[in-house]
Amino acid sequence: MANKILILNGSPRRNGNTSMMIAAFAEGAEQAGSKPEIIRAEEVNIKSCRGCLRCNLFQRCVIKGDDWGELSKKILDCDTLVFATPVYFHHMTAPLKMIVDRFRSFIHVQITEEGLIHTPWQTWKRRIILLTCMGSSSAEDAKPLEELFESLIDIMGGECEFTSLTATRLAVGGQIGMPEQDLAELYLKLKIPITLAGPDSLHNRAILTRLKDMGCSTGG
């Protein structure tokens, strides 16, 4: 049976680098027999978590009038959950963060003298994938975001397989798919050494191939 894959796209750009990374992953998953569902975070009607703690009592979020009820069911039902986002100021985009904040309703939180005890309402055994892209040339600039998801997985029970992939030096939309010549012209405008255009073009192509392979291995 094909795996159920849910992809949360945090990018505000419809045809940007994040969307191209998702497309490569989805293509591989479809070849393996899965049909990933892609949800654009900014198009979901999600209200901010109020920190009311009533989910501790009702085992669900009590906020009404938004799409969390339907979205949460899809999150809990999937085998693989993919978070995809450009890195803005070392973190995910605001629409995606609003969704992640509502994960609070998936767990019971007990305040103790030493700290907090997190107890998920159900056991989390799924694959979680984080796909990020950014203008920085160093993947270290995405480290705070990666550490957040590592912490999230630990809070949800720690029985998940976590994979993270970061694409770097992507300053404009669609850059990850640019051929070497177009990349060289862009680097000239951005005052980035043109000598990097060739290696970067090959590297970006390799990332898209890796994403396709990742999707294929996930979808089967």
N, C-alpha and C. Protein backbone atom coordinates (compact mmCIF):
# COMPACT_ATOMS: atom_id res chain seq x y z
N MET A 1 0.84 -1.19 0.00
CA MET A 1 0.00 0.00 0.00
C MET A 1 0.88 1.24 0.00
N ALA A 2 0.54 2.22 -0.84
CA ALA A 2 1.32 3.44 -0.93
C ALA A 2 1.18 4.26 0.35
N ASN A 3 2.26 4.93 0.72
CA ASN A 3 2.25 5.77 1.90
C ASN A 3 1.42 7.03 1.68
N LYS A 4 0.77 7.49 2.75
CA LYS A 4 0.04 8.75 2.69
C LYS A 4 1.03 9.87 3.01
N ILE A 5 1.19 10.79 2.07
CA ILE A 5 2.16 11.87 2.22
C ILE A 5 1.44 13.20 2.23
N LEU A 6 1.70 13.99 3.26
CA LEU A 6 1.14 15.34 3.35
C LEU A 6 2.30 16.33 3.34
N ILE A 7 2.22 17.30 2.43
CA ILE A 7 3.27 18.31 2.30
C ILE A 7 2.71 19.67 2.65
N LEU A 8 3.32 20.32 3.62
CA LEU A 8 2.92 21.67 4.03
C LEU A 8 3.93 22.66 3.43
N ASN A 9 3.47 23.44 2.47
CA ASN A 9 4.31 24.39 1.77
C ASN A 9 4.21 25.76 2.43
N GLY A 10 5.29 26.20 3.05
CA GLY A 10 5.27 27.46 3.77
C GLY A 10 5.64 28.66 2.93
N SER A 11 5.96 28.45 1.66
CA SER A 11 6.41 29.56 0.82
C SER A 11 5.26 30.43 0.33
N PRO A 12 5.44 31.76 0.32
CA PRO A 12 4.43 32.65 -0.23
C PRO A 12 4.50 32.73 -1.75
N ARG A 13 5.55 32.16 -2.34
CA ARG A 13 5.72 32.18 -3.80
C ARG A 13 5.20 30.89 -4.40
N ARG A 14 4.39 31.04 -5.42
CA ARG A 14 3.81 29.84 -6.05
C ARG A 14 4.83 29.06 -6.88
N ASN A 15 5.75 29.75 -7.50
CA ASN A 15 6.70 29.08 -8.39
C ASN A 15 8.15 29.33 -7.97
N GLY A 16 8.36 29.44 -6.68
CA GLY A 16 9.70 29.69 -6.17
C GLY A 16 10.51 28.42 -5.99
N ASN A 17 11.64 28.56 -5.35
CA ASN A 17 12.54 27.42 -5.14
C ASN A 17 11.92 26.34 -4.26
N THR A 18 11.17 26.77 -3.24
CA THR A 18 10.51 25.79 -2.37
C THR A 18 9.54 24.93 -3.15
N SER A 19 8.75 25.57 -4.02
CA SER A 19 7.77 24.83 -4.82
C SER A 19 8.45 23.88 -5.79
N MET A 20 9.61 24.28 -6.32
CA MET A 20 10.35 23.40 -7.23
C MET A 20 10.92 22.21 -6.49
N MET A 21 11.35 22.43 -5.26
CA MET A 21 11.85 21.32 -4.45
C MET A 21 10.71 20.35 -4.13
N ILE A 22 9.55 20.89 -3.80
CA ILE A 22 8.38 20.05 -3.53
C ILE A 22 7.99 19.26 -4.76
N ALA A 23 8.02 19.92 -5.92
CA ALA A 23 7.63 19.25 -7.16
C ALA A 23 8.53 18.06 -7.46
N ALA A 24 9.84 18.21 -7.21
CA ALA A 24 10.78 17.11 -7.45
C ALA A 24 10.49 15.96 -6.49
N PHE A 25 10.25 16.28 -5.24
CA PHE A 25 9.92 15.25 -4.25
C PHE A 25 8.62 14.55 -4.63
N ALA A 26 7.60 15.32 -4.98
CA ALA A 26 6.29 14.75 -5.32
C ALA A 26 6.37 13.87 -6.56
N GLU A 27 7.21 14.27 -7.53
CA GLU A 27 7.36 13.46 -8.74
C GLU A 27 7.88 12.07 -8.40
N GLY A 28 8.87 12.03 -7.53
CA GLY A 28 9.41 10.74 -7.11
C GLY A 28 8.40 9.91 -6.36
N ALA A 29 7.63 10.55 -5.48
CA ALA A 29 6.61 9.84 -4.71
C ALA A 29 5.53 9.27 -5.61
N GLU A 30 5.15 10.04 -6.62
CA GLU A 30 4.12 9.58 -7.55
C GLU A 30 4.61 8.39 -8.37
N GLN A 31 5.88 8.41 -8.72
CA GLN A 31 6.45 7.28 -9.46
C GLN A 31 6.42 6.01 -8.61
N ALA A 32 6.45 6.19 -7.29
CA ALA A 32 6.42 5.04 -6.38
C ALA A 32 4.99 4.62 -6.03
N GLY A 33 4.02 5.35 -6.57
CA GLY A 33 2.63 4.97 -6.37
C GLY A 33 1.85 5.79 -5.37
N SER A 34 2.45 6.82 -4.80
CA SER A 34 1.75 7.68 -3.85
C SER A 34 1.22 8.93 -4.55
N LYS A 35 0.25 9.56 -3.92
CA LYS A 35 -0.29 10.83 -4.43
C LYS A 35 -0.22 11.85 -3.30
N PRO A 36 0.93 12.53 -3.17
CA PRO A 36 1.08 13.48 -2.07
C PRO A 36 0.05 14.60 -2.15
N GLU A 37 -0.45 14.99 -1.00
CA GLU A 37 -1.33 16.15 -0.93
C GLU A 37 -0.49 17.34 -0.50
N ILE A 38 -0.55 18.40 -1.29
CA ILE A 38 0.23 19.60 -1.02
C ILE A 38 -0.70 20.71 -0.55
N ILE A 39 -0.41 21.27 0.60
CA ILE A 39 -1.22 22.34 1.17
C ILE A 39 -0.34 23.57 1.35
N ARG A 40 -0.77 24.69 0.76
CA ARG A 40 -0.04 25.95 0.91
C ARG A 40 -0.48 26.61 2.21
N ALA A 41 0.46 26.82 3.10
CA ALA A 41 0.14 27.31 4.44
C ALA A 41 -0.62 28.63 4.43
N GLU A 42 -0.25 29.54 3.54
CA GLU A 42 -0.89 30.84 3.55
C GLU A 42 -2.32 30.81 3.02
N GLU A 43 -2.72 29.69 2.43
CA GLU A 43 -4.08 29.57 1.92
C GLU A 43 -5.01 28.86 2.90
N VAL A 44 -4.45 28.39 4.01
CA VAL A 44 -5.24 27.71 5.04
C VAL A 44 -5.73 28.74 6.05
N ASN A 45 -6.97 28.65 6.42
CA ASN A 45 -7.53 29.55 7.42
C ASN A 45 -7.17 29.01 8.81
N ILE A 46 -6.06 29.51 9.35
CA ILE A 46 -5.58 29.05 10.64
C ILE A 46 -5.45 30.24 11.59
N LYS A 47 -6.09 30.13 12.73
CA LYS A 47 -5.97 31.16 13.75
C LYS A 47 -4.78 30.86 14.65
N SER A 48 -4.29 31.90 15.31
CA SER A 48 -3.14 31.74 16.19
C SER A 48 -3.51 30.96 17.45
N CYS A 49 -2.57 30.11 17.89
CA CYS A 49 -2.75 29.44 19.18
C CYS A 49 -2.84 30.50 20.28
N ARG A 50 -3.80 30.34 21.18
CA ARG A 50 -4.00 31.32 22.26
C ARG A 50 -3.32 30.90 23.56
N GLY A 51 -2.77 29.71 23.59
CA GLY A 51 -2.13 29.23 24.80
C GLY A 51 -3.12 29.06 25.94
N CYS A 52 -4.37 28.72 25.61
CA CYS A 52 -5.41 28.62 26.64
C CYS A 52 -5.31 27.34 27.47
N LEU A 53 -4.57 26.36 26.96
CA LEU A 53 -4.33 25.07 27.63
C LEU A 53 -5.57 24.18 27.72
N ARG A 54 -6.68 24.57 27.06
CA ARG A 54 -7.90 23.76 27.14
C ARG A 54 -7.74 22.44 26.39
N CYS A 55 -6.75 22.36 25.50
CA CYS A 55 -6.49 21.09 24.83
C CYS A 55 -5.99 20.05 25.83
N ASN A 56 -5.47 20.48 26.96
CA ASN A 56 -5.09 19.56 28.02
C ASN A 56 -6.30 18.82 28.57
N LEU A 57 -7.46 19.46 28.52
CA LEU A 57 -8.69 18.88 29.05
C LEU A 57 -9.48 18.11 28.00
N PHE A 58 -9.53 18.66 26.77
CA PHE A 58 -10.41 18.10 25.75
C PHE A 58 -9.68 17.23 24.72
N GLN A 59 -8.35 17.17 24.80
CA GLN A 59 -7.53 16.38 23.89
C GLN A 59 -7.70 16.83 22.44
N ARG A 60 -8.00 18.07 22.24
CA ARG A 60 -8.13 18.67 20.91
C ARG A 60 -8.12 20.19 21.09
N CYS A 61 -7.88 20.89 20.00
CA CYS A 61 -7.92 22.35 20.05
C CYS A 61 -9.38 22.81 20.08
N VAL A 62 -9.67 23.78 20.93
CA VAL A 62 -11.05 24.25 21.08
C VAL A 62 -11.33 25.51 20.27
N ILE A 63 -10.32 26.04 19.56
CA ILE A 63 -10.55 27.22 18.73
C ILE A 63 -11.49 26.86 17.59
N LYS A 64 -12.49 27.68 17.38
CA LYS A 64 -13.50 27.42 16.36
C LYS A 64 -13.36 28.42 15.20
N GLY A 65 -13.97 28.03 14.08
CA GLY A 65 -14.05 28.95 12.96
C GLY A 65 -12.85 28.98 12.04
N ASP A 66 -12.02 27.93 12.06
CA ASP A 66 -10.92 27.86 11.11
C ASP A 66 -10.77 26.43 10.59
N ASP A 67 -9.68 26.17 9.86
CA ASP A 67 -9.50 24.88 9.18
C ASP A 67 -8.69 23.86 9.97
N TRP A 68 -8.36 24.17 11.23
CA TRP A 68 -7.48 23.27 11.97
C TRP A 68 -8.09 21.88 12.15
N GLY A 69 -9.38 21.80 12.38
CA GLY A 69 -9.99 20.50 12.60
C GLY A 69 -9.74 19.56 11.43
N GLU A 70 -9.97 20.03 10.22
CA GLU A 70 -9.75 19.21 9.03
C GLU A 70 -8.26 18.95 8.80
N LEU A 71 -7.45 19.99 8.95
CA LEU A 71 -6.02 19.84 8.72
C LEU A 71 -5.39 18.90 9.74
N SER A 72 -5.78 19.01 10.99
CA SER A 72 -5.19 18.15 12.03
C SER A 72 -5.48 16.68 11.75
N LYS A 73 -6.66 16.38 11.21
CA LYS A 73 -6.98 14.99 10.87
C LYS A 73 -6.05 14.48 9.78
N LYS A 74 -5.75 15.32 8.81
CA LYS A 74 -4.84 14.92 7.74
C LYS A 74 -3.43 14.71 8.28
N ILE A 75 -3.02 15.56 9.20
CA ILE A 75 -1.69 15.42 9.80
C ILE A 75 -1.58 14.11 10.57
N LEU A 76 -2.60 13.80 11.34
CA LEU A 76 -2.58 12.58 12.15
C LEU A 76 -2.73 11.32 11.31
N ASP A 77 -3.31 11.47 10.12
CA ASP A 77 -3.58 10.30 9.28
C ASP A 77 -2.44 9.96 8.34
N CYS A 78 -1.50 10.88 8.13
CA CYS A 78 -0.46 10.64 7.13
C CYS A 78 0.66 9.75 7.68
N ASP A 79 1.36 9.11 6.75
CA ASP A 79 2.54 8.31 7.09
C ASP A 79 3.81 9.16 7.05
N THR A 80 3.80 10.12 6.14
CA THR A 80 4.95 11.02 5.99
C THR A 80 4.46 12.46 5.98
N LEU A 81 5.09 13.28 6.81
CA LEU A 81 4.72 14.69 6.91
C LEU A 81 5.91 15.53 6.48
N VAL A 82 5.72 16.31 5.42
CA VAL A 82 6.80 17.12 4.88
C VAL A 82 6.54 18.60 5.17
N PHE A 83 7.50 19.26 5.78
CA PHE A 83 7.46 20.70 5.99
C PHE A 83 8.45 21.32 5.00
N ALA A 84 7.99 22.22 4.16
CA ALA A 84 8.86 22.86 3.19
C ALA A 84 8.74 24.37 3.33
N THR A 85 9.87 25.04 3.45
CA THR A 85 9.82 26.48 3.68
C THR A 85 11.12 27.17 3.29
N PRO A 86 11.03 28.38 2.76
CA PRO A 86 12.25 29.19 2.66
C PRO A 86 12.64 29.63 4.06
N VAL A 87 13.90 29.93 4.26
CA VAL A 87 14.36 30.37 5.57
C VAL A 87 14.33 31.89 5.61
N TYR A 88 13.46 32.42 6.46
CA TYR A 88 13.36 33.86 6.66
C TYR A 88 13.91 34.19 8.05
N PHE A 89 15.00 34.94 8.11
CA PHE A 89 15.60 35.34 9.38
C PHE A 89 15.84 34.12 10.27
N HIS A 90 16.46 33.09 9.69
CA HIS A 90 16.87 31.86 10.36
C HIS A 90 15.68 31.00 10.80
N HIS A 91 14.51 31.23 10.24
CA HIS A 91 13.36 30.46 10.70
C HIS A 91 12.38 30.20 9.55
N MET A 92 11.29 29.49 9.85
CA MET A 92 10.26 29.21 8.86
C MET A 92 9.40 30.45 8.64
N THR A 93 8.59 30.42 7.61
CA THR A 93 7.69 31.53 7.33
C THR A 93 6.57 31.58 8.37
N ALA A 94 5.97 32.75 8.52
CA ALA A 94 4.93 32.95 9.53
C ALA A 94 3.71 32.05 9.33
N PRO A 95 3.18 31.88 8.10
CA PRO A 95 2.01 31.00 7.94
C PRO A 95 2.26 29.57 8.38
N LEU A 96 3.45 29.06 8.10
CA LEU A 96 3.77 27.69 8.51
C LEU A 96 3.95 27.61 10.02
N LYS A 97 4.53 28.65 10.61
CA LYS A 97 4.72 28.67 12.06
C LYS A 97 3.38 28.66 12.79
N MET A 98 2.36 29.30 12.23
CA MET A 98 1.05 29.30 12.86
C MET A 98 0.48 27.89 12.91
N ILE A 99 0.75 27.10 11.87
CA ILE A 99 0.31 25.71 11.85
C ILE A 99 1.07 24.90 12.89
N VAL A 100 2.37 25.07 12.93
CA VAL A 100 3.20 24.32 13.89
C VAL A 100 2.79 24.64 15.32
N ASP A 101 2.47 25.90 15.60
CA ASP A 101 2.04 26.27 16.95
C ASP A 101 0.81 25.49 17.40
N ARG A 102 -0.05 25.15 16.46
CA ARG A 102 -1.28 24.44 16.80
C ARG A 102 -1.02 22.95 17.10
N PHE A 103 0.21 22.49 16.89
CA PHE A 103 0.57 21.12 17.27
C PHE A 103 0.48 20.93 18.78
N ARG A 104 0.42 22.04 19.49
CA ARG A 104 0.26 21.98 20.95
C ARG A 104 -0.94 21.14 21.33
N SER A 105 -1.98 21.14 20.50
CA SER A 105 -3.20 20.40 20.82
C SER A 105 -3.04 18.89 20.68
N PHE A 106 -1.90 18.44 20.14
CA PHE A 106 -1.66 17.00 19.99
C PHE A 106 -1.10 16.36 21.25
N ILE A 107 -0.78 17.19 22.26
CA ILE A 107 -0.11 16.64 23.43
C ILE A 107 -0.69 17.20 24.73
N HIS A 108 -0.49 16.44 25.79
CA HIS A 108 -0.79 16.93 27.14
C HIS A 108 0.50 17.46 27.73
N VAL A 109 0.42 18.62 28.36
CA VAL A 109 1.60 19.24 28.97
C VAL A 109 1.39 19.37 30.47
N GLN A 110 2.32 18.81 31.23
CA GLN A 110 2.27 18.89 32.69
C GLN A 110 3.44 19.74 33.18
N ILE A 111 3.11 20.78 33.96
CA ILE A 111 4.15 21.62 34.54
C ILE A 111 4.66 20.96 35.82
N THR A 112 5.97 20.80 35.91
CA THR A 112 6.58 20.21 37.10
C THR A 112 7.61 21.19 37.67
N GLU A 113 8.17 20.85 38.80
CA GLU A 113 9.17 21.71 39.43
C GLU A 113 10.41 21.83 38.55
N GLU A 114 10.72 20.76 37.80
CA GLU A 114 11.92 20.74 36.97
C GLU A 114 11.69 21.31 35.57
N GLY A 115 10.44 21.32 35.12
CA GLY A 115 10.17 21.76 33.75
C GLY A 115 8.82 21.29 33.26
N LEU A 116 8.78 20.73 32.05
CA LEU A 116 7.53 20.27 31.45
C LEU A 116 7.62 18.80 31.09
N ILE A 117 6.50 18.10 31.22
CA ILE A 117 6.38 16.72 30.76
C ILE A 117 5.37 16.72 29.61
N HIS A 118 5.82 16.29 28.43
CA HIS A 118 4.95 16.24 27.26
C HIS A 118 4.48 14.80 27.01
N THR A 119 3.19 14.62 26.90
CA THR A 119 2.63 13.30 26.65
C THR A 119 1.69 13.38 25.45
N PRO A 120 2.08 12.86 24.29
CA PRO A 120 1.22 12.90 23.11
C PRO A 120 -0.06 12.10 23.35
N TRP A 121 -1.15 12.58 22.77
CA TRP A 121 -2.42 11.86 22.90
C TRP A 121 -2.37 10.53 22.15
N GLN A 122 -1.56 10.45 21.12
CA GLN A 122 -1.36 9.18 20.41
C GLN A 122 0.10 9.06 20.03
N THR A 123 0.56 7.82 19.84
CA THR A 123 1.95 7.58 19.51
C THR A 123 2.27 8.08 18.10
N TRP A 124 3.33 8.85 17.99
CA TRP A 124 3.75 9.38 16.69
C TRP A 124 4.82 8.47 16.11
N LYS A 125 4.45 7.73 15.07
CA LYS A 125 5.41 6.89 14.36
C LYS A 125 5.26 7.19 12.87
N ARG A 126 5.91 8.22 12.42
CA ARG A 126 5.82 8.62 11.02
C ARG A 126 7.14 9.26 10.61
N ARG A 127 7.29 9.38 9.32
CA ARG A 127 8.49 10.04 8.81
C ARG A 127 8.22 11.53 8.68
N ILE A 128 9.11 12.34 9.21
CA ILE A 128 9.00 13.78 9.12
C ILE A 128 10.19 14.32 8.34
N ILE A 129 9.89 15.11 7.32
CA ILE A 129 10.93 15.64 6.43
C ILE A 129 10.87 17.16 6.44
N LEU A 130 12.01 17.79 6.59
CA LEU A 130 12.11 19.24 6.55
C LEU A 130 12.92 19.65 5.31
N LEU A 131 12.29 20.40 4.41
CA LEU A 131 12.95 20.90 3.21
C LEU A 131 13.06 22.41 3.32
N THR A 132 14.27 22.93 3.24
CA THR A 132 14.47 24.37 3.35
C THR A 132 15.36 24.89 2.23
N CYS A 133 15.18 26.15 1.90
CA CYS A 133 16.06 26.82 0.94
C CYS A 133 16.27 28.25 1.42
N MET A 134 17.41 28.83 1.03
CA MET A 134 17.71 30.17 1.52
C MET A 134 18.79 30.83 0.67
N GLY A 135 18.91 32.14 0.84
CA GLY A 135 19.90 32.89 0.09
C GLY A 135 21.31 32.71 0.63
N SER A 136 21.44 32.41 1.89
CA SER A 136 22.76 32.24 2.50
C SER A 136 23.53 31.10 1.84
N SER A 137 24.84 31.25 1.83
CA SER A 137 25.70 30.19 1.29
C SER A 137 26.02 29.12 2.31
N SER A 138 25.62 29.34 3.56
CA SER A 138 25.93 28.40 4.64
C SER A 138 24.67 27.75 5.19
N ALA A 139 24.65 26.42 5.20
CA ALA A 139 23.51 25.68 5.76
C ALA A 139 23.37 25.91 7.25
N GLU A 140 24.41 26.42 7.89
CA GLU A 140 24.36 26.69 9.33
C GLU A 140 23.29 27.72 9.67
N ASP A 141 22.94 28.56 8.70
CA ASP A 141 21.93 29.58 8.95
C ASP A 141 20.53 28.99 9.07
N ALA A 142 20.38 27.73 8.72
CA ALA A 142 19.09 27.04 8.90
C ALA A 142 19.09 26.18 10.15
N LYS A 143 20.19 26.20 10.90
CA LYS A 143 20.33 25.33 12.07
C LYS A 143 19.27 25.59 13.13
N PRO A 144 18.92 26.85 13.44
CA PRO A 144 17.88 27.07 14.45
C PRO A 144 16.55 26.42 14.08
N LEU A 145 16.23 26.43 12.79
CA LEU A 145 14.99 25.81 12.33
C LEU A 145 15.05 24.30 12.44
N GLU A 146 16.19 23.73 12.06
CA GLU A 146 16.36 22.28 12.15
C GLU A 146 16.30 21.81 13.60
N GLU A 147 16.90 22.59 14.49
CA GLU A 147 16.87 22.23 15.91
C GLU A 147 15.45 22.31 16.47
N LEU A 148 14.65 23.24 15.97
CA LEU A 148 13.26 23.32 16.41
C LEU A 148 12.51 22.04 16.06
N PHE A 149 12.71 21.53 14.85
CA PHE A 149 12.01 20.32 14.46
C PHE A 149 12.54 19.09 15.19
N GLU A 150 13.81 19.07 15.49
CA GLU A 150 14.34 17.98 16.29
C GLU A 150 13.70 17.99 17.67
N SER A 151 13.51 19.17 18.22
CA SER A 151 12.85 19.31 19.52
C SER A 151 11.39 18.90 19.43
N LEU A 152 10.73 19.32 18.34
CA LEU A 152 9.32 18.98 18.14
C LEU A 152 9.12 17.46 18.10
N ILE A 153 10.00 16.78 17.38
CA ILE A 153 9.91 15.32 17.27
C ILE A 153 10.12 14.68 18.63
N ASP A 154 11.04 15.22 19.41
CA ASP A 154 11.28 14.69 20.75
C ASP A 154 10.03 14.88 21.62
N ILE A 155 9.39 16.04 21.50
CA ILE A 155 8.18 16.32 22.27
C ILE A 155 7.04 15.38 21.87
N MET A 156 6.96 15.08 20.57
CA MET A 156 5.87 14.24 20.09
C MET A 156 6.11 12.76 20.38
N GLY A 157 7.18 12.44 21.03
CA GLY A 157 7.40 11.05 21.43
C GLY A 157 8.71 10.47 20.96
N GLY A 158 9.35 11.12 20.00
CA GLY A 158 10.66 10.68 19.56
C GLY A 158 10.68 9.38 18.78
N GLU A 159 9.51 8.90 18.30
CA GLU A 159 9.48 7.66 17.54
C GLU A 159 9.30 7.92 16.06
N CYS A 160 9.81 9.05 15.60
CA CYS A 160 9.71 9.42 14.21
C CYS A 160 11.08 9.38 13.54
N GLU A 161 11.08 9.13 12.25
CA GLU A 161 12.29 9.22 11.45
C GLU A 161 12.37 10.63 10.89
N PHE A 162 13.46 11.34 11.14
CA PHE A 162 13.59 12.73 10.72
C PHE A 162 14.67 12.88 9.66
N THR A 163 14.32 13.57 8.56
CA THR A 163 15.26 13.85 7.49
C THR A 163 15.18 15.34 7.18
N SER A 164 16.34 15.96 6.98
CA SER A 164 16.38 17.39 6.66
C SER A 164 17.28 17.62 5.46
N LEU A 165 16.83 18.48 4.57
CA LEU A 165 17.63 18.83 3.39
C LEU A 165 17.54 20.33 3.16
N THR A 166 18.70 20.98 3.05
CA THR A 166 18.76 22.42 2.87
C THR A 166 19.45 22.78 1.57
N ALA A 167 18.84 23.65 0.79
CA ALA A 167 19.45 24.17 -0.43
C ALA A 167 19.91 25.60 -0.16
N THR A 168 21.14 25.91 -0.52
CA THR A 168 21.73 27.21 -0.18
C THR A 168 22.01 28.07 -1.42
N ARG A 169 22.35 29.32 -1.17
CA ARG A 169 22.70 30.33 -2.17
C ARG A 169 21.62 30.45 -3.25
N LEU A 170 20.36 30.51 -2.79
CA LEU A 170 19.22 30.69 -3.69
C LEU A 170 18.55 32.01 -3.35
N ALA A 171 18.88 33.04 -4.11
CA ALA A 171 18.45 34.39 -3.77
C ALA A 171 17.17 34.82 -4.47
N VAL A 172 16.85 34.21 -5.62
CA VAL A 172 15.67 34.62 -6.37
C VAL A 172 14.81 33.40 -6.70
N GLY A 173 13.54 33.65 -6.97
CA GLY A 173 12.61 32.56 -7.26
C GLY A 173 13.01 31.75 -8.48
N GLY A 174 12.94 30.44 -8.37
CA GLY A 174 13.24 29.55 -9.50
C GLY A 174 14.72 29.35 -9.76
N GLN A 175 15.57 29.89 -8.92
CA GLN A 175 17.01 29.82 -9.15
C GLN A 175 17.54 28.40 -9.12
N ILE A 176 16.93 27.54 -8.33
CA ILE A 176 17.44 26.18 -8.19
C ILE A 176 17.39 25.41 -9.51
N GLY A 177 16.55 25.87 -10.45
CA GLY A 177 16.45 25.18 -11.73
C GLY A 177 17.19 25.89 -12.86
N MET A 178 17.93 26.96 -12.56
CA MET A 178 18.61 27.73 -13.60
C MET A 178 19.80 26.98 -14.20
N PRO A 179 19.97 27.05 -15.53
CA PRO A 179 21.18 26.50 -16.14
C PRO A 179 22.38 27.39 -15.81
N GLU A 180 23.56 26.91 -16.09
CA GLU A 180 24.78 27.61 -15.70
C GLU A 180 24.86 29.03 -16.25
N GLN A 181 24.50 29.23 -17.51
CA GLN A 181 24.62 30.55 -18.12
C GLN A 181 23.71 31.57 -17.43
N ASP A 182 22.46 31.17 -17.17
CA ASP A 182 21.53 32.07 -16.49
C ASP A 182 22.01 32.36 -15.06
N LEU A 183 22.57 31.35 -14.44
CA LEU A 183 23.07 31.51 -13.07
C LEU A 183 24.26 32.47 -13.06
N ALA A 184 25.10 32.39 -14.08
CA ALA A 184 26.27 33.28 -14.17
C ALA A 184 25.81 34.73 -14.32
N GLU A 185 24.79 34.95 -15.14
CA GLU A 185 24.27 36.31 -15.33
C GLU A 185 23.67 36.85 -14.03
N LEU A 186 22.99 35.98 -13.30
CA LEU A 186 22.42 36.39 -12.02
C LEU A 186 23.52 36.71 -11.01
N TYR A 187 24.54 35.86 -10.96
CA TYR A 187 25.64 36.08 -10.01
C TYR A 187 26.37 37.39 -10.31
N LEU A 188 26.45 37.75 -11.57
CA LEU A 188 27.08 39.00 -11.94
C LEU A 188 26.31 40.17 -11.34
N LYS A 189 24.98 40.11 -11.39
CA LYS A 189 24.14 41.17 -10.82
C LYS A 189 24.22 41.20 -9.30
N LEU A 190 24.33 40.00 -8.70
CA LEU A 190 24.37 39.92 -7.25
C LEU A 190 25.76 40.06 -6.67
N LYS A 191 26.75 40.24 -7.55
CA LYS A 191 28.15 40.37 -7.15
C LYS A 191 28.65 39.12 -6.42
N ILE A 192 28.21 37.97 -6.92
CA ILE A 192 28.70 36.68 -6.45
C ILE A 192 29.70 36.18 -7.49
N PRO A 193 30.83 35.60 -7.09
CA PRO A 193 31.82 35.14 -8.07
C PRO A 193 31.20 34.26 -9.15
N ILE A 194 31.40 34.64 -10.40
CA ILE A 194 30.82 33.89 -11.52
C ILE A 194 31.38 32.47 -11.58
N THR A 195 32.56 32.28 -11.06
CA THR A 195 33.18 30.95 -11.08
C THR A 195 32.35 29.92 -10.30
N LEU A 196 31.43 30.41 -9.46
CA LEU A 196 30.58 29.50 -8.68
C LEU A 196 29.38 29.01 -9.48
N ALA A 197 29.10 29.67 -10.60
CA ALA A 197 27.89 29.34 -11.36
C ALA A 197 27.87 27.89 -11.84
N GLY A 198 28.99 27.42 -12.38
CA GLY A 198 29.05 26.04 -12.87
C GLY A 198 28.85 25.02 -11.77
N PRO A 199 29.66 25.07 -10.71
CA PRO A 199 29.49 24.12 -9.61
C PRO A 199 28.11 24.21 -8.96
N ASP A 200 27.60 25.44 -8.82
CA ASP A 200 26.29 25.61 -8.17
C ASP A 200 25.17 25.03 -9.04
N SER A 201 25.28 25.21 -10.35
CA SER A 201 24.27 24.65 -11.24
C SER A 201 24.23 23.13 -11.11
N LEU A 202 25.39 22.50 -11.07
CA LEU A 202 25.46 21.05 -10.90
C LEU A 202 24.92 20.64 -9.53
N HIS A 203 25.28 21.42 -8.50
CA HIS A 203 24.84 21.11 -7.15
C HIS A 203 23.32 21.22 -7.03
N ASN A 204 22.75 22.27 -7.60
CA ASN A 204 21.29 22.45 -7.54
C ASN A 204 20.57 21.32 -8.26
N ARG A 205 21.11 20.92 -9.40
CA ARG A 205 20.53 19.81 -10.14
C ARG A 205 20.59 18.52 -9.32
N ALA A 206 21.69 18.35 -8.60
CA ALA A 206 21.85 17.15 -7.76
C ALA A 206 20.84 17.16 -6.62
N ILE A 207 20.55 18.33 -6.08
CA ILE A 207 19.56 18.44 -5.00
C ILE A 207 18.18 18.02 -5.50
N LEU A 208 17.81 18.49 -6.69
CA LEU A 208 16.50 18.14 -7.24
C LEU A 208 16.42 16.63 -7.51
N THR A 209 17.53 16.05 -7.97
CA THR A 209 17.57 14.60 -8.19
C THR A 209 17.45 13.86 -6.87
N ARG A 210 18.14 14.36 -5.86
CA ARG A 210 18.07 13.73 -4.54
C ARG A 210 16.65 13.80 -3.98
N LEU A 211 15.99 14.94 -4.20
CA LEU A 211 14.61 15.08 -3.74
C LEU A 211 13.68 14.09 -4.43
N LYS A 212 13.90 13.91 -5.72
CA LYS A 212 13.10 12.95 -6.47
C LYS A 212 13.30 11.54 -5.92
N ASP A 213 14.56 11.20 -5.66
CA ASP A 213 14.87 9.88 -5.10
C ASP A 213 14.28 9.74 -3.70
N MET A 214 14.33 10.82 -2.92
CA MET A 214 13.77 10.80 -1.57
C MET A 214 12.26 10.56 -1.63
N GLY A 215 11.60 11.24 -2.57
CA GLY A 215 10.17 11.05 -2.73
C GLY A 215 9.82 9.64 -3.15
N CYS A 216 10.66 9.08 -4.02
CA CYS A 216 10.43 7.71 -4.50
C CYS A 216 10.56 6.71 -3.36
N SER A 217 11.58 6.88 -2.53
CA SER A 217 11.77 5.96 -1.41
C SER A 217 10.71 6.14 -0.35
N THR A 218 10.14 7.34 -0.26
CA THR A 218 9.11 7.61 0.72
C THR A 218 7.74 7.13 0.25
N GLY A 219 7.50 7.24 -1.03
CA GLY A 219 6.17 6.93 -1.56
C GLY A 219 5.84 5.47 -1.65
N GLY A 220 6.86 4.62 -1.72
CA GLY A 220 6.62 3.20 -1.88
C GLY A 220 6.17 2.49 -0.61
